[in-house]
Amino acid sequence: MRKNTPPGTPVPLQVLLADDDIDDRSVFETVLKELPMATLLETVGDGEELMIYLSENSGNLPDVLFLDLNMPKKKGSECLAEIKGNAKLKRLPVIMYSTAVYDDIADRLYNNGAHYYFRKTDMVRIQNLLHHVLSLLVENNFARPPRDKFVLALAVE
């Protein structure tokens, strides 16, 4: 998570992406590079790999985790529950995303501690959503929003 740095020193956001779809990871990486903010991206290919990564790096967590809801081996919702139930990991901001957004799932994800939830869409909208969510996180010092601001796909599209 973010370290204290001297004022005026740009610090890249450490971003971790967990997604089993190689094309989605590629789009995410491309879009992230085009944002007007410095970022460093790490990726993992499934939920089991994510939990191993977080366990091995619990002393040096990323600033934010983007977590695909539907993955093999271990679903994103299972990973979220494990992360938020772990004292070393629970402060990690988790942004959930999926090909579809449903209110009942959004309620469950919010209640389990996710910061935001949005729908996978085309590159332009993904770029706008990523810029929006990363800006919100930084501006709000990584605080969780109220439930009515949780689903970004509805607010931004």
C-alpha atoms as a PDB file:
ATOM      1  CA  MET A   1       0.000   0.000   0.000  1.00  0.00           C
ATOM      2  CA  ARG A   2       1.104   3.615  -0.486  1.00  0.00           C
ATOM      3  CA  LYS A   3       4.128   4.737   1.447  1.00  0.00           C
ATOM      4  CA  ASN A   4       4.795   8.255   2.729  1.00  0.00           C
ATOM      5  CA  THR A   5       6.805  10.161   0.138  1.00  0.00           C
ATOM      6  CA  PRO A   6       8.171  13.685  -0.017  1.00  0.00           C
ATOM      7  CA  PRO A   7       5.633  16.276  -1.216  1.00  0.00           C
ATOM      8  CA  GLY A   8       5.688  16.833  -4.969  1.00  0.00           C
ATOM      9  CA  THR A   9       7.196  13.440  -5.696  1.00  0.00           C
ATOM     10  CA  PRO A  10       4.984  11.501  -8.116  1.00  0.00           C
ATOM     11  CA  VAL A  11       4.484   7.975  -6.860  1.00  0.00           C
ATOM     12  CA  PRO A  12       3.085   5.443  -9.322  1.00  0.00           C
ATOM     13  CA  LEU A  13      -0.041   3.651  -8.184  1.00  0.00           C
ATOM     14  CA  GLN A  14       0.711  -0.018  -7.647  1.00  0.00           C
ATOM     15  CA  VAL A  15      -2.113  -1.868  -9.437  1.00  0.00           C
ATOM     16  CA  LEU A  16      -2.777  -5.603  -9.234  1.00  0.00           C
ATOM     17  CA  LEU A  17      -5.148  -7.214 -11.738  1.00  0.00           C
ATOM     18  CA  ALA A  18      -6.643 -10.681 -11.248  1.00  0.00           C
ATOM     19  CA  ASP A  19      -8.336 -11.897 -14.429  1.00  0.00           C
ATOM     20  CA  ASP A  20      -8.288 -15.281 -16.149  1.00  0.00           C
ATOM     21  CA  ASP A  21      -8.950 -13.836 -19.638  1.00  0.00           C
ATOM     22  CA  ILE A  22      -5.667 -12.986 -21.374  1.00  0.00           C
ATOM     23  CA  ASP A  23      -7.423 -10.603 -23.792  1.00  0.00           C
ATOM     24  CA  ASP A  24      -9.040  -8.715 -20.916  1.00  0.00           C
ATOM     25  CA  ARG A  25      -5.664  -8.465 -19.165  1.00  0.00           C
ATOM     26  CA  SER A  26      -4.134  -7.103 -22.371  1.00  0.00           C
ATOM     27  CA  VAL A  27      -6.900  -4.499 -22.803  1.00  0.00           C
ATOM     28  CA  PHE A  28      -6.563  -3.484 -19.147  1.00  0.00           C
ATOM     29  CA  GLU A  29      -2.790  -3.079 -19.489  1.00  0.00           C
ATOM     30  CA  THR A  30      -3.107  -1.055 -22.720  1.00  0.00           C
ATOM     31  CA  VAL A  31      -5.747   1.232 -21.242  1.00  0.00           C
ATOM     32  CA  LEU A  32      -3.839   1.687 -17.985  1.00  0.00           C
ATOM     33  CA  LYS A  33      -0.718   2.822 -19.882  1.00  0.00           C
ATOM     34  CA  GLU A  34      -2.759   5.522 -21.632  1.00  0.00           C
ATOM     35  CA  LEU A  35      -4.041   7.101 -18.420  1.00  0.00           C
ATOM     36  CA  PRO A  36      -2.587  10.465 -17.364  1.00  0.00           C
ATOM     37  CA  MET A  37      -1.332   9.025 -14.070  1.00  0.00           C
ATOM     38  CA  ALA A  38       1.685   6.922 -13.259  1.00  0.00           C
ATOM     39  CA  THR A  39       0.898   3.270 -12.562  1.00  0.00           C
ATOM     40  CA  LEU A  40       2.742  -0.016 -12.210  1.00  0.00           C
ATOM     41  CA  LEU A  41       0.770  -3.138 -13.107  1.00  0.00           C
ATOM     42  CA  GLU A  42       1.129  -6.714 -11.882  1.00  0.00           C
ATOM     43  CA  THR A  43      -1.236  -9.424 -13.096  1.00  0.00           C
ATOM     44  CA  VAL A  44      -2.331 -12.871 -11.968  1.00  0.00           C
ATOM     45  CA  GLY A  45      -4.419 -15.355 -13.945  1.00  0.00           C
ATOM     46  CA  ASP A  46      -6.862 -16.790 -11.411  1.00  0.00           C
ATOM     47  CA  GLY A  47      -8.105 -16.611  -7.833  1.00  0.00           C
ATOM     48  CA  GLU A  48      -5.724 -19.218  -6.435  1.00  0.00           C
ATOM     49  CA  GLU A  49      -2.756 -17.425  -7.992  1.00  0.00           C
ATOM     50  CA  LEU A  50      -4.068 -14.150  -6.529  1.00  0.00           C
ATOM     51  CA  MET A  51      -4.250 -15.483  -2.996  1.00  0.00           C
ATOM     52  CA  ILE A  52      -0.737 -16.930  -3.249  1.00  0.00           C
ATOM     53  CA  TYR A  53       0.545 -13.598  -4.572  1.00  0.00           C
ATOM     54  CA  LEU A  54      -1.117 -11.648  -1.751  1.00  0.00           C
ATOM     55  CA  SER A  55       0.166 -14.086   0.880  1.00  0.00           C
ATOM     56  CA  GLU A  56       3.719 -13.848  -0.429  1.00  0.00           C
ATOM     57  CA  ASN A  57       3.521 -10.028  -0.680  1.00  0.00           C
ATOM     58  CA  SER A  58       1.442  -9.205   2.415  1.00  0.00           C
ATOM     59  CA  GLY A  59       4.160  -6.843   3.624  1.00  0.00           C
ATOM     60  CA  ASN A  60       4.191  -4.920   0.339  1.00  0.00           C
ATOM     61  CA  LEU A  61       0.631  -4.871  -0.966  1.00  0.00           C
ATOM     62  CA  PRO A  62      -0.434  -2.982  -4.080  1.00  0.00           C
ATOM     63  CA  ASP A  63      -2.425   0.240  -3.746  1.00  0.00           C
ATOM     64  CA  VAL A  64      -5.456  -1.335  -5.407  1.00  0.00           C
ATOM     65  CA  LEU A  65      -6.683  -4.701  -6.682  1.00  0.00           C
ATOM     66  CA  PHE A  66      -8.946  -5.067  -9.717  1.00  0.00           C
ATOM     67  CA  LEU A  67     -10.649  -8.420  -9.336  1.00  0.00           C
ATOM     68  CA  ASP A  68     -12.651 -10.257 -11.991  1.00  0.00           C
ATOM     69  CA  LEU A  69     -15.784 -11.726 -10.477  1.00  0.00           C
ATOM     70  CA  ASN A  70     -15.908 -14.902 -12.607  1.00  0.00           C
ATOM     71  CA  MET A  71     -12.685 -16.891 -12.656  1.00  0.00           C
ATOM     72  CA  PRO A  72     -11.857 -20.594 -12.553  1.00  0.00           C
ATOM     73  CA  LYS A  73     -10.331 -22.319  -9.518  1.00  0.00           C
ATOM     74  CA  LYS A  74     -11.463 -19.593  -7.114  1.00  0.00           C
ATOM     75  CA  LYS A  75     -14.153 -17.003  -7.876  1.00  0.00           C
ATOM     76  CA  GLY A  76     -13.553 -13.313  -7.316  1.00  0.00           C
ATOM     77  CA  SER A  77     -16.236 -13.202  -4.623  1.00  0.00           C
ATOM     78  CA  GLU A  78     -14.437 -15.991  -2.715  1.00  0.00           C
ATOM     79  CA  CYS A  79     -11.154 -14.084  -2.976  1.00  0.00           C
ATOM     80  CA  LEU A  80     -12.849 -10.900  -1.758  1.00  0.00           C
ATOM     81  CA  ALA A  81     -14.201 -12.707   1.307  1.00  0.00           C
ATOM     82  CA  GLU A  82     -10.742 -14.141   2.073  1.00  0.00           C
ATOM     83  CA  ILE A  83      -9.036 -10.784   1.597  1.00  0.00           C
ATOM     84  CA  LYS A  84     -11.455  -8.890   3.818  1.00  0.00           C
ATOM     85  CA  GLY A  85     -11.320 -11.659   6.438  1.00  0.00           C
ATOM     86  CA  ASN A  86      -7.525 -11.497   6.663  1.00  0.00           C
ATOM     87  CA  ALA A  87      -6.079  -8.910   9.068  1.00  0.00           C
ATOM     88  CA  LYS A  88      -3.007  -8.386   6.848  1.00  0.00           C
ATOM     89  CA  LEU A  89      -5.046  -7.886   3.666  1.00  0.00           C
ATOM     90  CA  LYS A  90      -8.364  -6.353   4.688  1.00  0.00           C
ATOM     91  CA  ARG A  91      -7.314  -2.721   4.073  1.00  0.00           C
ATOM     92  CA  LEU A  92      -6.498  -3.449   0.419  1.00  0.00           C
ATOM     93  CA  PRO A  93      -8.989  -1.578  -1.826  1.00  0.00           C
ATOM     94  CA  VAL A  94     -10.698  -4.136  -4.073  1.00  0.00           C
ATOM     95  CA  ILE A  95     -12.458  -3.092  -7.272  1.00  0.00           C
ATOM     96  CA  MET A  96     -14.720  -5.832  -8.635  1.00  0.00           C
ATOM     97  CA  TYR A  97     -15.644  -6.105 -12.283  1.00  0.00           C
ATOM     98  CA  SER A  98     -17.533  -8.490 -14.498  1.00  0.00           C
ATOM     99  CA  THR A  99     -19.283  -8.829 -17.850  1.00  0.00           C
ATOM    100  CA  ALA A 100     -22.596  -8.117 -16.112  1.00  0.00           C
ATOM    101  CA  VAL A 101     -23.649  -6.066 -13.109  1.00  0.00           C
ATOM    102  CA  TYR A 102     -26.558  -7.234 -10.953  1.00  0.00           C
ATOM    103  CA  ASP A 103     -27.981  -5.479  -7.897  1.00  0.00           C
ATOM    104  CA  ASP A 104     -28.067  -8.584  -5.705  1.00  0.00           C
ATOM    105  CA  ILE A 105     -24.431  -9.361  -6.488  1.00  0.00           C
ATOM    106  CA  ALA A 106     -23.499  -5.694  -6.000  1.00  0.00           C
ATOM    107  CA  ASP A 107     -25.144  -5.741  -2.567  1.00  0.00           C
ATOM    108  CA  ARG A 108     -23.211  -8.862  -1.578  1.00  0.00           C
ATOM    109  CA  LEU A 109     -19.888  -7.483  -2.863  1.00  0.00           C
ATOM    110  CA  TYR A 110     -20.405  -4.158  -1.118  1.00  0.00           C
ATOM    111  CA  ASN A 111     -21.372  -5.871   2.122  1.00  0.00           C
ATOM    112  CA  ASN A 112     -18.211  -8.006   1.853  1.00  0.00           C
ATOM    113  CA  GLY A 113     -15.998  -4.913   1.634  1.00  0.00           C
ATOM    114  CA  ALA A 114     -15.385  -4.180  -2.067  1.00  0.00           C
ATOM    115  CA  HIS A 115     -14.746  -0.523  -2.933  1.00  0.00           C
ATOM    116  CA  TYR A 116     -16.356  -0.364  -6.393  1.00  0.00           C
ATOM    117  CA  TYR A 117     -18.004  -2.611  -8.985  1.00  0.00           C
ATOM    118  CA  PHE A 118     -18.200  -2.046 -12.732  1.00  0.00           C
ATOM    119  CA  ARG A 119     -19.016  -3.856 -15.949  1.00  0.00           C
ATOM    120  CA  LYS A 120     -16.427  -4.880 -18.524  1.00  0.00           C
ATOM    121  CA  THR A 121     -17.146  -2.988 -21.708  1.00  0.00           C
ATOM    122  CA  ASP A 122     -15.311  -1.493 -24.703  1.00  0.00           C
ATOM    123  CA  MET A 123     -11.822   0.017 -24.449  1.00  0.00           C
ATOM    124  CA  VAL A 124     -12.947   3.656 -24.382  1.00  0.00           C
ATOM    125  CA  ARG A 125     -15.392   3.075 -21.530  1.00  0.00           C
ATOM    126  CA  ILE A 126     -12.897   0.891 -19.662  1.00  0.00           C
ATOM    127  CA  GLN A 127     -10.351   3.691 -19.956  1.00  0.00           C
ATOM    128  CA  ASN A 128     -12.854   6.230 -18.618  1.00  0.00           C
ATOM    129  CA  LEU A 129     -13.856   3.891 -15.775  1.00  0.00           C
ATOM    130  CA  LEU A 130     -10.263   3.130 -14.801  1.00  0.00           C
ATOM    131  CA  HIS A 131      -9.327   6.796 -14.786  1.00  0.00           C
ATOM    132  CA  HIS A 132     -12.475   7.623 -12.818  1.00  0.00           C
ATOM    133  CA  VAL A 133     -12.021   4.905 -10.182  1.00  0.00           C
ATOM    134  CA  LEU A 134      -8.295   5.526  -9.686  1.00  0.00           C
ATOM    135  CA  SER A 135      -8.931   9.269  -9.368  1.00  0.00           C
ATOM    136  CA  LEU A 136     -11.719   8.635  -6.832  1.00  0.00           C
ATOM    137  CA  LEU A 137      -9.464   6.365  -4.797  1.00  0.00           C
ATOM    138  CA  VAL A 138      -6.632   8.884  -4.668  1.00  0.00           C
ATOM    139  CA  GLU A 139      -8.914  11.889  -4.014  1.00  0.00           C
ATOM    140  CA  ASN A 140     -10.754  10.081  -1.224  1.00  0.00           C
ATOM    141  CA  ASN A 141      -7.597   8.621   0.350  1.00  0.00           C
ATOM    142  CA  PHE A 142      -8.723   5.109  -0.653  1.00  0.00           C
ATOM    143  CA  ALA A 143     -11.913   5.296   1.437  1.00  0.00           C
ATOM    144  CA  ARG A 144     -14.949   3.197   0.467  1.00  0.00           C
ATOM    145  CA  PRO A 145     -17.865   5.095  -1.038  1.00  0.00           C
ATOM    146  CA  PRO A 146     -21.458   4.877   0.181  1.00  0.00           C
ATOM    147  CA  ARG A 147     -23.488   2.030  -1.402  1.00  0.00           C
ATOM    148  CA  ASP A 148     -25.245   4.366  -3.870  1.00  0.00           C
ATOM    149  CA  LYS A 149     -21.864   5.277  -5.438  1.00  0.00           C
ATOM    150  CA  PHE A 150     -20.541   1.691  -5.492  1.00  0.00           C
ATOM    151  CA  VAL A 151     -21.630   0.565  -8.981  1.00  0.00           C
ATOM    152  CA  LEU A 152     -19.625   2.712 -11.382  1.00  0.00           C
ATOM    153  CA  ALA A 153     -20.980   1.225 -14.602  1.00  0.00           C
ATOM    154  CA  LEU A 154     -24.340   2.846 -13.898  1.00  0.00           C
ATOM    155  CA  ALA A 155     -22.902   6.224 -12.985  1.00  0.00           C
ATOM    156  CA  VAL A 156     -20.250   6.578 -15.705  1.00  0.00           C
ATOM    157  CA  GLU A 157     -21.743   4.980 -18.819  1.00  0.00           C
END
